[in-house]
Amino acid sequence: WRARELLRLGYDVTVYEGFHAQLTPPPD
């Protein structure tokens, strides 16, 4: 999923960059 897809579906979206720090590279 991408933030822009959720926005298109009518959702308010807050992104947390690098949230999953245990993974390489850390996904948002």
PDB file of all heavy atoms in Angstrom:
ATOM      1  N   TRP A   1       0.829  -1.197   0.000  1.00  0.00           N
ATOM      2  CA  TRP A   1       0.000   0.000   0.000  1.00  0.00           C
ATOM      3  C   TRP A   1       0.863   1.245   0.000  1.00  0.00           C
ATOM      4  O   TRP A   1       1.955   1.263   0.548  1.00  0.00           O
ATOM      5  CB  TRP A   1      -0.915  -0.015   1.227  1.00  0.00           C
ATOM      6  CG  TRP A   1      -1.835  -1.179   1.181  1.00  0.00           C
ATOM      7  CD1 TRP A   1      -1.573  -2.461   1.594  1.00  0.00           C
ATOM      8  CD2 TRP A   1      -3.142  -1.213   0.629  1.00  0.00           C
ATOM      9  NE1 TRP A   1      -2.642  -3.272   1.340  1.00  0.00           N
ATOM     10  CE2 TRP A   1      -3.611  -2.530   0.757  1.00  0.00           C
ATOM     11  CE3 TRP A   1      -3.956  -0.245   0.057  1.00  0.00           C
ATOM     12  CZ2 TRP A   1      -4.884  -2.901   0.315  1.00  0.00           C
ATOM     13  CZ3 TRP A   1      -5.209  -0.618  -0.375  1.00  0.00           C
ATOM     14  CH2 TRP A   1      -5.667  -1.935  -0.240  1.00  0.00           C
ATOM     15  N   ARG A   2       0.340   2.294  -0.576  1.00  0.00           N
ATOM     16  CA  ARG A   2       1.000   3.601  -0.603  1.00  0.00           C
ATOM     17  C   ARG A   2       0.056   4.625   0.026  1.00  0.00           C
ATOM     18  O   ARG A   2      -1.176   4.488  -0.043  1.00  0.00           O
ATOM     19  CB  ARG A   2       1.305   4.028  -2.040  1.00  0.00           C
ATOM     20  CG  ARG A   2       2.095   3.012  -2.827  1.00  0.00           C
ATOM     21  CD  ARG A   2       3.556   3.364  -2.819  1.00  0.00           C
ATOM     22  NE  ARG A   2       4.290   2.428  -3.656  1.00  0.00           N
ATOM     23  CZ  ARG A   2       5.307   1.714  -3.205  1.00  0.00           C
ATOM     24  NH1 ARG A   2       5.709   1.833  -1.977  1.00  0.00           N
ATOM     25  NH2 ARG A   2       5.949   0.894  -4.006  1.00  0.00           N
ATOM     26  N   ALA A   3       0.630   5.658   0.595  1.00  0.00           N
ATOM     27  CA  ALA A   3      -0.171   6.699   1.233  1.00  0.00           C
ATOM     28  C   ALA A   3      -1.147   7.318   0.242  1.00  0.00           C
ATOM     29  O   ALA A   3      -2.311   7.570   0.576  1.00  0.00           O
ATOM     30  CB  ALA A   3       0.738   7.765   1.851  1.00  0.00           C
ATOM     31  N   ARG A   4      -0.700   7.540  -0.978  1.00  0.00           N
ATOM     32  CA  ARG A   4      -1.582   8.198  -1.961  1.00  0.00           C
ATOM     33  C   ARG A   4      -2.804   7.347  -2.294  1.00  0.00           C
ATOM     34  O   ARG A   4      -3.868   7.881  -2.596  1.00  0.00           O
ATOM     35  CB  ARG A   4      -0.799   8.577  -3.216  1.00  0.00           C
ATOM     36  CG  ARG A   4      -0.303   7.418  -4.028  1.00  0.00           C
ATOM     37  CD  ARG A   4       0.462   7.882  -5.274  1.00  0.00           C
ATOM     38  NE  ARG A   4       1.038   6.781  -5.981  1.00  0.00           N
ATOM     39  CZ  ARG A   4       2.266   6.319  -5.791  1.00  0.00           C
ATOM     40  NH1 ARG A   4       3.053   6.883  -4.912  1.00  0.00           N
ATOM     41  NH2 ARG A   4       2.703   5.290  -6.475  1.00  0.00           N
ATOM     42  N   GLU A   5      -2.678   6.013  -2.230  1.00  0.00           N
ATOM     43  CA  GLU A   5      -3.837   5.148  -2.475  1.00  0.00           C
ATOM     44  C   GLU A   5      -4.873   5.327  -1.369  1.00  0.00           C
ATOM     45  O   GLU A   5      -6.066   5.404  -1.633  1.00  0.00           O
ATOM     46  CB  GLU A   5      -3.409   3.686  -2.518  1.00  0.00           C
ATOM     47  CG  GLU A   5      -2.511   3.346  -3.682  1.00  0.00           C
ATOM     48  CD  GLU A   5      -1.953   1.959  -3.538  1.00  0.00           C
ATOM     49  OE1 GLU A   5      -1.177   1.718  -2.599  1.00  0.00           O
ATOM     50  OE2 GLU A   5      -2.313   1.117  -4.388  1.00  0.00           O
ATOM     51  N   LEU A   6      -4.401   5.387  -0.142  1.00  0.00           N
ATOM     52  CA  LEU A   6      -5.308   5.567   0.983  1.00  0.00           C
ATOM     53  C   LEU A   6      -5.971   6.943   0.930  1.00  0.00           C
ATOM     54  O   LEU A   6      -7.159   7.073   1.224  1.00  0.00           O
ATOM     55  CB  LEU A   6      -4.539   5.374   2.293  1.00  0.00           C
ATOM     56  CG  LEU A   6      -3.972   3.959   2.488  1.00  0.00           C
ATOM     57  CD1 LEU A   6      -2.931   3.949   3.597  1.00  0.00           C
ATOM     58  CD2 LEU A   6      -5.082   2.966   2.754  1.00  0.00           C
ATOM     59  N   LEU A   7      -5.219   7.946   0.527  1.00  0.00           N
ATOM     60  CA  LEU A   7      -5.788   9.289   0.357  1.00  0.00           C
ATOM     61  C   LEU A   7      -6.899   9.281  -0.695  1.00  0.00           C
ATOM     62  O   LEU A   7      -7.955   9.884  -0.506  1.00  0.00           O
ATOM     63  CB  LEU A   7      -4.695  10.291  -0.027  1.00  0.00           C
ATOM     64  CG  LEU A   7      -3.717  10.661   1.084  1.00  0.00           C
ATOM     65  CD1 LEU A   7      -2.496  11.366   0.502  1.00  0.00           C
ATOM     66  CD2 LEU A   7      -4.401  11.519   2.135  1.00  0.00           C
ATOM     67  N   ARG A   8      -6.661   8.580  -1.814  1.00  0.00           N
ATOM     68  CA  ARG A   8      -7.673   8.480  -2.875  1.00  0.00           C
ATOM     69  C   ARG A   8      -8.941   7.782  -2.390  1.00  0.00           C
ATOM     70  O   ARG A   8     -10.031   8.033  -2.901  1.00  0.00           O
ATOM     71  CB  ARG A   8      -7.116   7.738  -4.087  1.00  0.00           C
ATOM     72  CG  ARG A   8      -6.386   8.624  -5.056  1.00  0.00           C
ATOM     73  CD  ARG A   8      -6.191   7.958  -6.405  1.00  0.00           C
ATOM     74  NE  ARG A   8      -5.579   6.657  -6.319  1.00  0.00           N
ATOM     75  CZ  ARG A   8      -4.280   6.398  -6.485  1.00  0.00           C
ATOM     76  NH1 ARG A   8      -3.451   7.359  -6.781  1.00  0.00           N
ATOM     77  NH2 ARG A   8      -3.809   5.171  -6.380  1.00  0.00           N
ATOM     78  N   LEU A   9      -8.786   6.891  -1.404  1.00  0.00           N
ATOM     79  CA  LEU A   9      -9.941   6.187  -0.851  1.00  0.00           C
ATOM     80  C   LEU A   9     -10.684   7.033   0.187  1.00  0.00           C
ATOM     81  O   LEU A   9     -11.669   6.589   0.759  1.00  0.00           O
ATOM     82  CB  LEU A   9      -9.497   4.863  -0.220  1.00  0.00           C
ATOM     83  CG  LEU A   9      -8.996   3.803  -1.191  1.00  0.00           C
ATOM     84  CD1 LEU A   9      -8.396   2.626  -0.424  1.00  0.00           C
ATOM     85  CD2 LEU A   9     -10.121   3.329  -2.108  1.00  0.00           C
ATOM     86  N   GLY A  10     -10.189   8.245   0.436  1.00  0.00           N
ATOM     87  CA  GLY A  10     -10.864   9.145   1.357  1.00  0.00           C
ATOM     88  C   GLY A  10     -10.346   9.113   2.784  1.00  0.00           C
ATOM     89  O   GLY A  10     -10.989   9.655   3.683  1.00  0.00           O
ATOM     90  N   TYR A  11      -9.194   8.508   2.983  1.00  0.00           N
ATOM     91  CA  TYR A  11      -8.609   8.426   4.321  1.00  0.00           C
ATOM     92  C   TYR A  11      -7.699   9.617   4.580  1.00  0.00           C
ATOM     93  O   TYR A  11      -7.017  10.101   3.679  1.00  0.00           O
ATOM     94  CB  TYR A  11      -7.801   7.125   4.474  1.00  0.00           C
ATOM     95  CG  TYR A  11      -8.683   5.911   4.656  1.00  0.00           C
ATOM     96  CD1 TYR A  11      -9.326   5.327   3.571  1.00  0.00           C
ATOM     97  CD2 TYR A  11      -8.885   5.367   5.914  1.00  0.00           C
ATOM     98  CE1 TYR A  11     -10.149   4.232   3.735  1.00  0.00           C
ATOM     99  CE2 TYR A  11      -9.704   4.267   6.086  1.00  0.00           C
ATOM    100  CZ  TYR A  11     -10.340   3.709   4.999  1.00  0.00           C
ATOM    101  OH  TYR A  11     -11.176   2.631   5.171  1.00  0.00           O
ATOM    102  N   ASP A  12      -7.685  10.083   5.837  1.00  0.00           N
ATOM    103  CA  ASP A  12      -6.668  11.023   6.299  1.00  0.00           C
ATOM    104  C   ASP A  12      -5.469  10.163   6.678  1.00  0.00           C
ATOM    105  O   ASP A  12      -5.625   9.179   7.415  1.00  0.00           O
ATOM    106  CB  ASP A  12      -7.152  11.800   7.527  1.00  0.00           C
ATOM    107  CG  ASP A  12      -8.334  12.698   7.204  1.00  0.00           C
ATOM    108  OD1 ASP A  12      -8.340  13.290   6.114  1.00  0.00           O
ATOM    109  OD2 ASP A  12      -9.247  12.789   8.045  1.00  0.00           O
ATOM    110  N   VAL A  13      -4.282  10.528   6.209  1.00  0.00           N
ATOM    111  CA  VAL A  13      -3.115   9.664   6.370  1.00  0.00           C
ATOM    112  C   VAL A  13      -1.988  10.408   7.069  1.00  0.00           C
ATOM    113  O   VAL A  13      -1.659  11.533   6.699  1.00  0.00           O
ATOM    114  CB  VAL A  13      -2.616   9.143   4.994  1.00  0.00           C
ATOM    115  CG1 VAL A  13      -1.388   8.269   5.153  1.00  0.00           C
ATOM    116  CG2 VAL A  13      -3.731   8.396   4.275  1.00  0.00           C
ATOM    117  N   THR A  14      -1.404   9.753   8.060  1.00  0.00           N
ATOM    118  CA  THR A  14      -0.200  10.242   8.726  1.00  0.00           C
ATOM    119  C   THR A  14       0.889   9.209   8.503  1.00  0.00           C
ATOM    120  O   THR A  14       0.718   8.039   8.870  1.00  0.00           O
ATOM    121  CB  THR A  14      -0.431  10.444  10.237  1.00  0.00           C
ATOM    122  OG1 THR A  14      -1.502  11.365  10.423  1.00  0.00           O
ATOM    123  CG2 THR A  14       0.830  10.971  10.906  1.00  0.00           C
ATOM    124  N   VAL A  15       1.999   9.633   7.900  1.00  0.00           N
ATOM    125  CA  VAL A  15       3.097   8.717   7.570  1.00  0.00           C
ATOM    126  C   VAL A  15       4.197   8.833   8.632  1.00  0.00           C
ATOM    127  O   VAL A  15       4.560   9.936   9.039  1.00  0.00           O
ATOM    128  CB  VAL A  15       3.676   9.033   6.173  1.00  0.00           C
ATOM    129  CG1 VAL A  15       4.908   8.186   5.880  1.00  0.00           C
ATOM    130  CG2 VAL A  15       2.603   8.820   5.106  1.00  0.00           C
ATOM    131  N   TYR A  16       4.707   7.692   9.036  1.00  0.00           N
ATOM    132  CA  TYR A  16       5.838   7.609   9.967  1.00  0.00           C
ATOM    133  C   TYR A  16       7.009   7.017   9.197  1.00  0.00           C
ATOM    134  O   TYR A  16       7.048   5.813   8.932  1.00  0.00           O
ATOM    135  CB  TYR A  16       5.481   6.746  11.176  1.00  0.00           C
ATOM    136  CG  TYR A  16       4.357   7.338  11.976  1.00  0.00           C
ATOM    137  CD1 TYR A  16       3.033   7.013  11.692  1.00  0.00           C
ATOM    138  CD2 TYR A  16       4.620   8.257  12.984  1.00  0.00           C
ATOM    139  CE1 TYR A  16       1.991   7.582  12.418  1.00  0.00           C
ATOM    140  CE2 TYR A  16       3.581   8.825  13.707  1.00  0.00           C
ATOM    141  CZ  TYR A  16       2.281   8.485  13.420  1.00  0.00           C
ATOM    142  OH  TYR A  16       1.251   9.056  14.123  1.00  0.00           O
ATOM    143  N   GLU A  17       7.950   7.879   8.838  1.00  0.00           N
ATOM    144  CA  GLU A  17       9.088   7.445   8.019  1.00  0.00           C
ATOM    145  C   GLU A  17       9.998   6.506   8.811  1.00  0.00           C
ATOM    146  O   GLU A  17      10.312   6.762   9.970  1.00  0.00           O
ATOM    147  CB  GLU A  17       9.871   8.662   7.532  1.00  0.00           C
ATOM    148  CG  GLU A  17       9.077   9.507   6.562  1.00  0.00           C
ATOM    149  CD  GLU A  17       9.860  10.692   6.034  1.00  0.00           C
ATOM    150  OE1 GLU A  17      11.079  10.782   6.277  1.00  0.00           O
ATOM    151  OE2 GLU A  17       9.231  11.542   5.382  1.00  0.00           O
ATOM    152  N   GLY A  18      10.408   5.428   8.147  1.00  0.00           N
ATOM    153  CA  GLY A  18      11.333   4.473   8.751  1.00  0.00           C
ATOM    154  C   GLY A  18      10.811   3.826  10.012  1.00  0.00           C
ATOM    155  O   GLY A  18      11.588   3.408  10.874  1.00  0.00           O
ATOM    156  N   PHE A  19       9.514   3.688  10.128  1.00  0.00           N
ATOM    157  CA  PHE A  19       8.889   3.194  11.359  1.00  0.00           C
ATOM    158  C   PHE A  19       9.386   1.800  11.738  1.00  0.00           C
ATOM    159  O   PHE A  19       9.633   1.514  12.893  1.00  0.00           O
ATOM    160  CB  PHE A  19       7.366   3.183  11.207  1.00  0.00           C
ATOM    161  CG  PHE A  19       6.654   2.702  12.448  1.00  0.00           C
ATOM    162  CD1 PHE A  19       6.379   3.591  13.474  1.00  0.00           C
ATOM    163  CD2 PHE A  19       6.271   1.381  12.582  1.00  0.00           C
ATOM    164  CE1 PHE A  19       5.732   3.157  14.625  1.00  0.00           C
ATOM    165  CE2 PHE A  19       5.629   0.942  13.729  1.00  0.00           C
ATOM    166  CZ  PHE A  19       5.357   1.823  14.749  1.00  0.00           C
ATOM    167  N   HIS A  20       9.503   0.945  10.748  1.00  0.00           N
ATOM    168  CA  HIS A  20       9.900  -0.446  11.015  1.00  0.00           C
ATOM    169  C   HIS A  20      11.420  -0.547  10.974  1.00  0.00           C
ATOM    170  O   HIS A  20      12.009  -1.138  10.066  1.00  0.00           O
ATOM    171  CB  HIS A  20       9.237  -1.388  10.010  1.00  0.00           C
ATOM    172  CG  HIS A  20       7.748  -1.432  10.144  1.00  0.00           C
ATOM    173  ND1 HIS A  20       7.111  -2.116  11.148  1.00  0.00           N
ATOM    174  CD2 HIS A  20       6.769  -0.855   9.418  1.00  0.00           C
ATOM    175  CE1 HIS A  20       5.809  -1.972  11.038  1.00  0.00           C
ATOM    176  NE2 HIS A  20       5.566  -1.207   9.986  1.00  0.00           N
ATOM    177  N   ALA A  21      12.064   0.006  11.998  1.00  0.00           N
ATOM    178  CA  ALA A  21      13.522   0.118  12.041  1.00  0.00           C
ATOM    179  C   ALA A  21      14.228  -1.230  12.109  1.00  0.00           C
ATOM    180  O   ALA A  21      15.420  -1.323  11.801  1.00  0.00           O
ATOM    181  CB  ALA A  21      13.944   0.988  13.225  1.00  0.00           C
ATOM    182  N   GLN A  22      13.514  -2.278  12.465  1.00  0.00           N
ATOM    183  CA  GLN A  22      14.127  -3.603  12.553  1.00  0.00           C
ATOM    184  C   GLN A  22      14.380  -4.215  11.175  1.00  0.00           C
ATOM    185  O   GLN A  22      15.085  -5.208  11.064  1.00  0.00           O
ATOM    186  CB  GLN A  22      13.282  -4.538  13.422  1.00  0.00           C
ATOM    187  CG  GLN A  22      12.023  -5.080  12.749  1.00  0.00           C
ATOM    188  CD  GLN A  22      10.828  -4.133  12.765  1.00  0.00           C
ATOM    189  OE1 GLN A  22      10.949  -2.947  13.031  1.00  0.00           O
ATOM    190  NE2 GLN A  22       9.661  -4.667  12.459  1.00  0.00           N
ATOM    191  N   LEU A  23      13.814  -3.617  10.133  1.00  0.00           N
ATOM    192  CA  LEU A  23      13.983  -4.126   8.771  1.00  0.00           C
ATOM    193  C   LEU A  23      14.977  -3.259   8.011  1.00  0.00           C
ATOM    194  O   LEU A  23      15.136  -2.079   8.302  1.00  0.00           O
ATOM    195  CB  LEU A  23      12.637  -4.134   8.048  1.00  0.00           C
ATOM    196  CG  LEU A  23      11.529  -4.973   8.700  1.00  0.00           C
ATOM    197  CD1 LEU A  23      10.220  -4.782   7.959  1.00  0.00           C
ATOM    198  CD2 LEU A  23      11.911  -6.434   8.767  1.00  0.00           C
ATOM    199  N   THR A  24      15.624  -3.866   7.022  1.00  0.00           N
ATOM    200  CA  THR A  24      16.587  -3.131   6.198  1.00  0.00           C
ATOM    201  C   THR A  24      16.161  -3.221   4.745  1.00  0.00           C
ATOM    202  O   THR A  24      16.064  -4.325   4.216  1.00  0.00           O
ATOM    203  CB  THR A  24      18.000  -3.735   6.357  1.00  0.00           C
ATOM    204  OG1 THR A  24      18.326  -3.737   7.751  1.00  0.00           O
ATOM    205  CG2 THR A  24      19.025  -2.921   5.611  1.00  0.00           C
ATOM    206  N   PRO A  25      15.931  -2.078   4.077  1.00  0.00           N
ATOM    207  CA  PRO A  25      15.812  -0.732   4.644  1.00  0.00           C
ATOM    208  C   PRO A  25      14.512  -0.622   5.432  1.00  0.00           C
ATOM    209  O   PRO A  25      13.533  -1.322   5.139  1.00  0.00           O
ATOM    210  CB  PRO A  25      15.811   0.174   3.419  1.00  0.00           C
ATOM    211  CG  PRO A  25      15.222  -0.661   2.341  1.00  0.00           C
ATOM    212  CD  PRO A  25      15.654  -2.077   2.639  1.00  0.00           C
ATOM    213  N   PRO A  26      14.470   0.270   6.414  1.00  0.00           N
ATOM    214  CA  PRO A  26      13.269   0.375   7.247  1.00  0.00           C
ATOM    215  C   PRO A  26      12.102   1.014   6.488  1.00  0.00           C
ATOM    216  O   PRO A  26      12.196   2.161   6.058  1.00  0.00           O
ATOM    217  CB  PRO A  26      13.705   1.264   8.422  1.00  0.00           C
ATOM    218  CG  PRO A  26      14.902   1.985   7.926  1.00  0.00           C
ATOM    219  CD  PRO A  26      15.537   1.138   6.864  1.00  0.00           C
ATOM    220  N   PRO A  27      11.008   0.267   6.297  1.00  0.00           N
ATOM    221  CA  PRO A  27       9.866   0.826   5.577  1.00  0.00           C
ATOM    222  C   PRO A  27       9.085   1.815   6.433  1.00  0.00           C
ATOM    223  O   PRO A  27       9.140   1.777   7.662  1.00  0.00           O
ATOM    224  CB  PRO A  27       9.019  -0.395   5.245  1.00  0.00           C
ATOM    225  CG  PRO A  27       9.408  -1.430   6.226  1.00  0.00           C
ATOM    226  CD  PRO A  27      10.810  -1.142   6.631  1.00  0.00           C
ATOM    227  N   ASP A  28       8.385   2.693   5.750  1.00  0.00           N
ATOM    228  CA  ASP A  28       7.489   3.621   6.419  1.00  0.00           C
ATOM    229  C   ASP A  28       6.227   2.880   6.859  1.00  0.00           C
ATOM    230  O   ASP A  28       5.952   1.768   6.409  1.00  0.00           O
ATOM    231  CB  ASP A  28       7.089   4.756   5.477  1.00  0.00           C
ATOM    232  CG  ASP A  28       8.270   5.585   5.014  1.00  0.00           C
ATOM    233  OD1 ASP A  28       9.331   5.550   5.669  1.00  0.00           O
ATOM    234  OD2 ASP A  28       8.123   6.270   3.981  1.00  0.00           O
TER     235      ASP A  28
END
